[in-house]
């Protein structure tokens, strides 16, 4: 375990010396790599909606305040409206 931690420490210190190439999002900048944005959209479409997105969509369908509170309680209980 200590050998692994030492390797990680050496990697972090060497990447810090070389400009944090591996520790920043500079490589995935849309300005530097214009093809990244369409690829991200494609991957997001394949992946489907996240739990947060599903919950937001479910809450957005509420008809009134009572329905909204009911839906919030369902989500808190772990029930996503039967979906």
N, C-alpha and C. Protein backbone atom coordinates (compact mmCIF):
# COMPACT_ATOMS: atom_id res chain seq x y z
N UNK A 1 0.83 -1.19 0.00
CA UNK A 1 0.00 0.00 0.00
C UNK A 1 0.87 1.25 0.00
N UNK A 2 1.95 1.22 0.78
CA UNK A 2 2.81 2.39 0.85
C UNK A 2 3.51 2.64 -0.48
N UNK A 3 3.82 1.57 -1.21
CA UNK A 3 4.47 1.74 -2.51
C UNK A 3 3.52 2.43 -3.48
N UNK A 4 2.24 2.10 -3.42
CA UNK A 4 1.26 2.73 -4.29
C UNK A 4 1.12 4.21 -3.95
N UNK A 5 1.08 4.53 -2.67
CA UNK A 5 0.99 5.93 -2.26
C UNK A 5 2.23 6.70 -2.70
N UNK A 6 3.39 6.08 -2.65
CA UNK A 6 4.62 6.73 -3.09
C UNK A 6 4.58 7.00 -4.58
N UNK A 7 4.06 6.04 -5.35
CA UNK A 7 3.95 6.24 -6.80
C UNK A 7 2.99 7.37 -7.13
N UNK A 8 1.88 7.43 -6.40
CA UNK A 8 0.91 8.50 -6.62
C UNK A 8 1.53 9.84 -6.27
N UNK A 9 2.26 9.89 -5.17
CA UNK A 9 2.93 11.13 -4.77
C UNK A 9 3.94 11.58 -5.80
N UNK A 10 4.71 10.65 -6.36
CA UNK A 10 5.68 10.99 -7.38
C UNK A 10 4.97 11.48 -8.64
N UNK A 11 3.86 10.85 -9.01
CA UNK A 11 3.11 11.27 -10.19
C UNK A 11 2.59 12.69 -10.01
N UNK A 12 2.03 12.96 -8.83
CA UNK A 12 1.49 14.31 -8.58
C UNK A 12 2.59 15.35 -8.60
N UNK A 13 3.73 15.05 -7.99
CA UNK A 13 4.80 16.04 -7.96
C UNK A 13 5.39 16.24 -9.35
N UNK A 14 5.52 15.18 -10.15
CA UNK A 14 6.08 15.33 -11.49
C UNK A 14 5.09 16.05 -12.40
N UNK A 15 3.78 15.81 -12.24
CA UNK A 15 2.82 16.51 -13.08
C UNK A 15 2.73 17.98 -12.68
N UNK A 16 2.97 18.28 -11.39
CA UNK A 16 2.96 19.67 -10.96
C UNK A 16 4.13 20.41 -11.57
N UNK A 17 5.27 19.74 -11.69
CA UNK A 17 6.44 20.36 -12.29
C UNK A 17 6.21 20.63 -13.77
N UNK A 18 5.47 19.76 -14.42
CA UNK A 18 5.25 19.89 -15.86
C UNK A 18 3.99 20.66 -16.20
N UNK A 19 3.51 21.49 -15.31
CA UNK A 19 2.41 22.37 -15.62
C UNK A 19 1.03 21.81 -15.36
N UNK A 20 0.89 20.83 -14.48
CA UNK A 20 -0.41 20.26 -14.12
C UNK A 20 -1.20 19.79 -15.33
N UNK A 21 -0.53 19.23 -16.28
CA UNK A 21 -1.20 18.78 -17.50
C UNK A 21 -2.29 17.77 -17.18
N UNK A 22 -2.05 16.87 -16.25
CA UNK A 22 -3.01 15.82 -15.95
C UNK A 22 -4.02 16.22 -14.88
N UNK A 23 -3.79 17.32 -14.19
CA UNK A 23 -4.65 17.69 -13.09
C UNK A 23 -5.62 18.81 -13.45
N UNK A 24 -5.60 19.30 -14.67
CA UNK A 24 -6.50 20.37 -15.06
C UNK A 24 -7.37 19.91 -16.21
N UNK A 25 -8.39 20.69 -16.51
CA UNK A 25 -9.26 20.39 -17.63
C UNK A 25 -8.80 21.12 -18.89
N UNK A 26 -7.57 21.54 -18.91
CA UNK A 26 -7.06 22.30 -20.04
C UNK A 26 -7.08 21.46 -21.32
N UNK A 27 -6.88 20.16 -21.20
CA UNK A 27 -6.87 19.30 -22.39
C UNK A 27 -8.26 19.13 -22.98
N UNK A 28 -9.30 19.33 -22.20
CA UNK A 28 -10.65 19.14 -22.71
C UNK A 28 -11.35 20.45 -22.99
N UNK A 29 -10.60 21.51 -23.14
CA UNK A 29 -11.18 22.81 -23.42
C UNK A 29 -11.81 22.81 -24.81
N UNK A 30 -13.02 23.33 -24.92
CA UNK A 30 -13.72 23.37 -26.19
C UNK A 30 -13.03 24.31 -27.18
N UNK A 31 -12.32 25.29 -26.68
CA UNK A 31 -11.62 26.22 -27.56
C UNK A 31 -10.45 25.55 -28.25
N UNK A 32 -9.74 24.70 -27.51
CA UNK A 32 -8.57 24.04 -28.08
C UNK A 32 -8.95 22.82 -28.91
N UNK A 33 -10.03 22.16 -28.54
CA UNK A 33 -10.46 20.95 -29.23
C UNK A 33 -11.95 21.08 -29.59
N UNK A 34 -12.27 21.64 -30.75
CA UNK A 34 -13.67 21.90 -31.09
C UNK A 34 -14.51 20.63 -31.28
N UNK A 35 -13.90 19.47 -31.48
CA UNK A 35 -14.66 18.24 -31.67
C UNK A 35 -15.15 17.65 -30.35
N UNK A 36 -14.68 18.16 -29.23
CA UNK A 36 -15.06 17.62 -27.93
C UNK A 36 -16.55 17.85 -27.65
N UNK A 37 -17.07 19.02 -27.99
CA UNK A 37 -18.45 19.34 -27.66
C UNK A 37 -19.45 18.39 -28.33
N UNK A 38 -19.36 18.12 -29.63
CA UNK A 38 -20.30 17.16 -30.23
C UNK A 38 -20.14 15.74 -29.67
N UNK A 39 -18.92 15.37 -29.33
CA UNK A 39 -18.70 14.04 -28.76
C UNK A 39 -19.35 13.95 -27.38
N UNK A 40 -19.22 15.00 -26.59
CA UNK A 40 -19.85 15.02 -25.27
C UNK A 40 -21.37 14.92 -25.39
N UNK A 41 -21.95 15.65 -26.36
CA UNK A 41 -23.39 15.57 -26.58
C UNK A 41 -23.81 14.15 -26.94
N UNK A 42 -23.04 13.50 -27.81
CA UNK A 42 -23.35 12.15 -28.25
C UNK A 42 -23.28 11.18 -27.07
N UNK A 43 -22.25 11.28 -26.27
CA UNK A 43 -22.09 10.39 -25.12
C UNK A 43 -23.21 10.64 -24.11
N UNK A 44 -23.57 11.89 -23.91
CA UNK A 44 -24.65 12.21 -22.97
C UNK A 44 -25.98 11.63 -23.46
N UNK A 45 -26.22 11.66 -24.78
CA UNK A 45 -27.45 11.10 -25.33
C UNK A 45 -27.48 9.58 -25.14
N UNK A 46 -26.35 8.93 -25.27
CA UNK A 46 -26.29 7.48 -25.08
C UNK A 46 -26.45 7.08 -23.62
N UNK A 47 -25.91 7.90 -22.74
CA UNK A 47 -25.90 7.58 -21.32
C UNK A 47 -27.29 7.63 -20.72
N UNK A 48 -28.13 8.50 -21.20
CA UNK A 48 -29.45 8.65 -20.61
C UNK A 48 -29.45 9.73 -19.55
N UNK A 49 -30.60 9.90 -18.93
CA UNK A 49 -30.72 10.96 -17.93
C UNK A 49 -30.20 10.49 -16.58
N UNK A 50 -29.61 11.42 -15.85
CA UNK A 50 -29.12 11.11 -14.51
C UNK A 50 -30.29 11.11 -13.53
N UNK A 51 -30.04 10.64 -12.34
CA UNK A 51 -31.09 10.61 -11.31
C UNK A 51 -31.59 12.01 -11.01
N UNK A 52 -30.68 12.99 -10.94
CA UNK A 52 -31.07 14.37 -10.67
C UNK A 52 -31.97 14.91 -11.78
N UNK A 53 -31.63 14.60 -13.02
CA UNK A 53 -32.45 15.06 -14.14
C UNK A 53 -33.84 14.41 -14.12
N UNK A 54 -33.90 13.13 -13.77
CA UNK A 54 -35.19 12.44 -13.66
C UNK A 54 -36.03 13.05 -12.55
N UNK A 55 -35.40 13.31 -11.40
CA UNK A 55 -36.13 13.90 -10.29
C UNK A 55 -36.64 15.29 -10.65
N UNK A 56 -35.81 16.09 -11.32
CA UNK A 56 -36.23 17.44 -11.70
C UNK A 56 -37.40 17.38 -12.67
N UNK A 57 -37.33 16.48 -13.65
CA UNK A 57 -38.43 16.34 -14.60
C UNK A 57 -39.71 15.91 -13.89
N UNK A 58 -39.59 14.99 -12.95
CA UNK A 58 -40.74 14.50 -12.18
C UNK A 58 -41.36 15.64 -11.36
N UNK A 59 -40.52 16.44 -10.71
CA UNK A 59 -41.03 17.56 -9.92
C UNK A 59 -41.64 18.64 -10.81
N UNK A 60 -41.10 18.81 -12.00
CA UNK A 60 -41.61 19.83 -12.92
C UNK A 60 -43.01 19.50 -13.43
N UNK A 61 -43.42 18.25 -13.36
CA UNK A 61 -44.74 17.85 -13.83
C UNK A 61 -45.83 18.09 -12.79
N UNK A 62 -45.47 18.61 -11.63
CA UNK A 62 -46.46 18.83 -10.58
C UNK A 62 -47.48 19.87 -11.03
N UNK A 63 -48.76 19.62 -10.68
CA UNK A 63 -49.84 20.50 -11.11
C UNK A 63 -50.07 21.65 -10.13
N UNK A 64 -49.80 21.42 -8.87
CA UNK A 64 -49.99 22.45 -7.87
C UNK A 64 -49.05 22.21 -6.69
N UNK A 65 -49.15 23.03 -5.69
CA UNK A 65 -48.23 22.94 -4.54
C UNK A 65 -48.40 21.63 -3.78
N UNK A 66 -49.62 21.17 -3.64
CA UNK A 66 -49.86 19.92 -2.93
C UNK A 66 -49.24 18.75 -3.68
N UNK A 67 -49.41 18.74 -5.00
CA UNK A 67 -48.82 17.69 -5.82
C UNK A 67 -47.29 17.75 -5.76
N UNK A 68 -46.74 18.95 -5.76
CA UNK A 68 -45.29 19.12 -5.66
C UNK A 68 -44.76 18.55 -4.35
N UNK A 69 -45.43 18.88 -3.24
CA UNK A 69 -45.01 18.37 -1.95
C UNK A 69 -45.11 16.84 -1.89
N UNK A 70 -46.17 16.29 -2.48
CA UNK A 70 -46.33 14.84 -2.53
C UNK A 70 -45.18 14.21 -3.30
N UNK A 71 -44.83 14.79 -4.43
CA UNK A 71 -43.73 14.26 -5.24
C UNK A 71 -42.39 14.36 -4.51
N UNK A 72 -42.19 15.45 -3.77
CA UNK A 72 -40.96 15.60 -3.00
C UNK A 72 -40.86 14.51 -1.93
N UNK A 73 -41.98 14.22 -1.28
CA UNK A 73 -41.97 13.15 -0.27
C UNK A 73 -41.69 11.80 -0.91
N UNK A 74 -42.23 11.56 -2.10
CA UNK A 74 -41.98 10.30 -2.80
C UNK A 74 -40.49 10.16 -3.12
N UNK A 75 -39.88 11.23 -3.57
CA UNK A 75 -38.44 11.19 -3.89
C UNK A 75 -37.64 10.97 -2.61
N UNK A 76 -38.02 11.63 -1.53
CA UNK A 76 -37.30 11.45 -0.25
C UNK A 76 -37.40 10.01 0.25
N UNK A 77 -38.49 9.35 -0.05
CA UNK A 77 -38.66 7.95 0.34
C UNK A 77 -37.96 6.98 -0.60
N UNK A 78 -37.47 7.51 -1.71
CA UNK A 78 -36.78 6.65 -2.67
C UNK A 78 -37.67 6.14 -3.78
N UNK A 79 -38.87 6.65 -3.87
CA UNK A 79 -39.81 6.24 -4.90
C UNK A 79 -39.88 7.36 -5.94
N UNK A 80 -39.51 7.06 -7.14
CA UNK A 80 -39.49 8.10 -8.17
C UNK A 80 -40.77 8.05 -9.00
N UNK A 81 -41.90 8.13 -8.36
CA UNK A 81 -43.16 8.20 -9.07
C UNK A 81 -43.46 7.01 -9.94
N UNK A 82 -42.98 5.83 -9.57
CA UNK A 82 -43.26 4.64 -10.33
C UNK A 82 -42.46 4.53 -11.61
N UNK A 83 -41.42 5.31 -11.74
CA UNK A 83 -40.62 5.29 -12.96
C UNK A 83 -39.39 4.47 -12.77
